[in-house]
Structures are given as C-alpha cells and as structure tokens.
Amino acid sequence: MITVWSTKGARFTKADELRDEKIPRTAHDCGLDEAKVHFFGDSVAVVYGHERAVGKDAAQPSAKVCQVWTDTWLKRDGTWQVIASHDNRVECK
C-alpha cells in the first residue's frame, strides 16, 4: 500500500489520490523548479524537488503556493511505482 502525506499533515491512500485528481483544478502559472533523482541499486529511487502554482489553494485562489516533495519509487516486475510520497508547503521565494 502506498503511503502519501498531504501538505496539511493528513495521510491518504492511492484511491484518495486518484479521486482527488478527478476534481477540476483552477491552478495556473505552475512550474517544476527542480527535481533530482538518486538511485539505490537497480530497483529503488528517491526523487525530490520543489514546485509552485497560483490558485492551487481553494481558500485563497490568487495565492502563490510553493511546496517541496519527496517520492520513493520501487521497480516491480519491470515497472516503476511510487511507494511513498511526502509534500510540504514552504515559503515562496
């Protein structure tokens, strides 16, 4: 089972994430500022980076939102899958 932590500290499942992805988005001016990958052998990788968007927060539709994240990937039967993910909001620079 994948473990995902939201920027608000809540844990949610893969089914929760897939359901959330179907909700219409109003974010714009999105950007991936950095992403780095570190491999551990042939079957584990950790990817981390930071990104930004405007309007991602429904409570503040014109606010710029920035976050850092870490995803852990595992290669199973020749396919890479995310097995853990963590996002954290940070101050936009």
C-alpha atoms as a PDB file:
ATOM      1  CA  MET A   1       0.000   0.000   0.000  1.00  0.00           C
ATOM      2  CA  ILE A   2       1.282   3.449  -0.894  1.00  0.00           C
ATOM      3  CA  THR A   3       1.623   5.965   1.912  1.00  0.00           C
ATOM      4  CA  VAL A   4       1.052   9.591   0.975  1.00  0.00           C
ATOM      5  CA  TRP A   5       1.167  12.593   3.287  1.00  0.00           C
ATOM      6  CA  SER A   6      -0.517  15.840   2.290  1.00  0.00           C
ATOM      7  CA  THR A   7       0.827  19.337   2.907  1.00  0.00           C
ATOM      8  CA  LYS A   8      -1.694  19.580   5.755  1.00  0.00           C
ATOM      9  CA  GLY A   9      -0.274  16.525   7.538  1.00  0.00           C
ATOM     10  CA  ALA A  10      -3.041  14.109   6.552  1.00  0.00           C
ATOM     11  CA  ARG A  11      -2.303  10.570   5.370  1.00  0.00           C
ATOM     12  CA  PHE A  12      -4.242   9.362   2.343  1.00  0.00           C
ATOM     13  CA  THR A  13      -4.399   6.307   0.106  1.00  0.00           C
ATOM     14  CA  LYS A  14      -3.861   5.750  -3.587  1.00  0.00           C
ATOM     15  CA  ALA A  15      -7.675   5.639  -4.033  1.00  0.00           C
ATOM     16  CA  ASP A  16      -7.939   9.040  -2.288  1.00  0.00           C
ATOM     17  CA  GLU A  17      -5.274  10.474  -4.593  1.00  0.00           C
ATOM     18  CA  LEU A  18      -6.957   9.131  -7.745  1.00  0.00           C
ATOM     19  CA  ARG A  19     -10.311  10.559  -6.611  1.00  0.00           C
ATOM     20  CA  ASP A  20      -8.669  13.926  -5.874  1.00  0.00           C
ATOM     21  CA  GLU A  21      -7.105  14.036  -9.353  1.00  0.00           C
ATOM     22  CA  LYS A  22     -10.593  13.965 -10.933  1.00  0.00           C
ATOM     23  CA  ILE A  23     -11.598  17.244  -9.248  1.00  0.00           C
ATOM     24  CA  PRO A  24     -11.407  20.252 -11.623  1.00  0.00           C
ATOM     25  CA  ARG A  25      -8.370  22.444 -11.000  1.00  0.00           C
ATOM     26  CA  THR A  26      -8.070  26.205 -11.159  1.00  0.00           C
ATOM     27  CA  ALA A  27      -4.304  26.453 -10.664  1.00  0.00           C
ATOM     28  CA  HIS A  28      -2.217  28.321 -13.221  1.00  0.00           C
ATOM     29  CA  ASP A  29       1.355  29.517 -13.632  1.00  0.00           C
ATOM     30  CA  CYS A  30       2.512  26.106 -12.373  1.00  0.00           C
ATOM     31  CA  GLY A  31       6.163  25.183 -12.533  1.00  0.00           C
ATOM     32  CA  LEU A  32       8.556  22.451 -11.517  1.00  0.00           C
ATOM     33  CA  ASP A  33      11.576  24.371 -10.270  1.00  0.00           C
ATOM     34  CA  GLU A  34      13.828  21.417  -9.513  1.00  0.00           C
ATOM     35  CA  ALA A  35      13.783  17.628  -9.399  1.00  0.00           C
ATOM     36  CA  LYS A  36      16.665  15.321  -8.505  1.00  0.00           C
ATOM     37  CA  VAL A  37      16.851  11.538  -8.617  1.00  0.00           C
ATOM     38  CA  HIS A  38      19.053   9.262  -6.526  1.00  0.00           C
ATOM     39  CA  PHE A  39      19.152   5.547  -7.349  1.00  0.00           C
ATOM     40  CA  PHE A  40      19.797   2.870  -4.753  1.00  0.00           C
ATOM     41  CA  GLY A  41      20.695  -0.199  -6.780  1.00  0.00           C
ATOM     42  CA  ASP A  42      18.565  -1.203  -9.758  1.00  0.00           C
ATOM     43  CA  SER A  43      15.157  -1.154  -8.110  1.00  0.00           C
ATOM     44  CA  VAL A  44      14.857   1.791  -5.673  1.00  0.00           C
ATOM     45  CA  ALA A  45      14.972   5.517  -6.401  1.00  0.00           C
ATOM     46  CA  VAL A  46      14.233   8.641  -4.392  1.00  0.00           C
ATOM     47  CA  VAL A  47      13.071  11.717  -6.300  1.00  0.00           C
ATOM     48  CA  TYR A  48      12.822  15.091  -4.600  1.00  0.00           C
ATOM     49  CA  GLY A  49      12.210  18.639  -5.713  1.00  0.00           C
ATOM     50  CA  HIS A  50      10.159  21.787  -5.409  1.00  0.00           C
ATOM     51  CA  GLU A  51       7.328  23.359  -7.389  1.00  0.00           C
ATOM     52  CA  ARG A  52       4.982  26.343  -7.433  1.00  0.00           C
ATOM     53  CA  ALA A  53       1.489  27.260  -8.593  1.00  0.00           C
ATOM     54  CA  VAL A  54      -1.027  30.095  -8.313  1.00  0.00           C
ATOM     55  CA  GLY A  55      -4.602  29.293  -7.331  1.00  0.00           C
ATOM     56  CA  LYS A  56      -3.940  25.796  -6.028  1.00  0.00           C
ATOM     57  CA  ASP A  57      -5.495  26.584  -2.652  1.00  0.00           C
ATOM     58  CA  ALA A  58      -9.302  26.882  -2.980  1.00  0.00           C
ATOM     59  CA  ALA A  59      -9.433  29.045   0.170  1.00  0.00           C
ATOM     60  CA  GLN A  60      -7.040  31.572  -1.427  1.00  0.00           C
ATOM     61  CA  PRO A  61      -7.497  31.308  -5.223  1.00  0.00           C
ATOM     62  CA  SER A  62      -4.986  34.058  -6.083  1.00  0.00           C
ATOM     63  CA  ALA A  63      -2.266  32.938  -3.648  1.00  0.00           C
ATOM     64  CA  LYS A  64       1.047  31.538  -4.839  1.00  0.00           C
ATOM     65  CA  VAL A  65       1.642  28.083  -3.321  1.00  0.00           C
ATOM     66  CA  CYS A  66       5.108  26.520  -3.128  1.00  0.00           C
ATOM     67  CA  GLN A  67       5.986  23.061  -1.927  1.00  0.00           C
ATOM     68  CA  VAL A  68       8.847  20.634  -1.633  1.00  0.00           C
ATOM     69  CA  TRP A  69       8.273  16.916  -2.067  1.00  0.00           C
ATOM     70  CA  THR A  70       9.925  13.521  -1.912  1.00  0.00           C
ATOM     71  CA  ASP A  71       8.741  10.417  -3.765  1.00  0.00           C
ATOM     72  CA  THR A  72      10.165   6.933  -3.208  1.00  0.00           C
ATOM     73  CA  TRP A  73       9.973   4.614  -6.223  1.00  0.00           C
ATOM     74  CA  LEU A  74      10.305   0.829  -6.414  1.00  0.00           C
ATOM     75  CA  LYS A  75      10.780  -1.162  -9.599  1.00  0.00           C
ATOM     76  CA  ARG A  76       8.469  -4.223  -9.532  1.00  0.00           C
ATOM     77  CA  ASP A  77       8.197  -6.650 -12.418  1.00  0.00           C
ATOM     78  CA  GLY A  78       9.908  -4.123 -14.699  1.00  0.00           C
ATOM     79  CA  THR A  79       7.588  -1.224 -13.789  1.00  0.00           C
ATOM     80  CA  TRP A  80       8.475   1.770 -11.609  1.00  0.00           C
ATOM     81  CA  GLN A  81       5.852   2.559  -8.938  1.00  0.00           C
ATOM     82  CA  VAL A  82       5.672   5.238  -6.263  1.00  0.00           C
ATOM     83  CA  ILE A  83       5.568   3.515  -2.867  1.00  0.00           C
ATOM     84  CA  ALA A  84       5.757   6.590  -0.604  1.00  0.00           C
ATOM     85  CA  SER A  85       5.263  10.315  -1.097  1.00  0.00           C
ATOM     86  CA  HIS A  86       5.508  13.373   1.105  1.00  0.00           C
ATOM     87  CA  ASP A  87       4.665  17.010   0.272  1.00  0.00           C
ATOM     88  CA  ASN A  88       5.369  20.029   2.438  1.00  0.00           C
ATOM     89  CA  ARG A  89       4.361  23.636   1.810  1.00  0.00           C
ATOM     90  CA  VAL A  90       7.182  26.139   2.088  1.00  0.00           C
ATOM     91  CA  GLU A  91       7.525  29.894   1.831  1.00  0.00           C
ATOM     92  CA  CYS A  92       7.663  31.031  -1.794  1.00  0.00           C
ATOM     93  CA  LYS A  93      10.861  32.825  -2.774  1.00  0.00           C
END
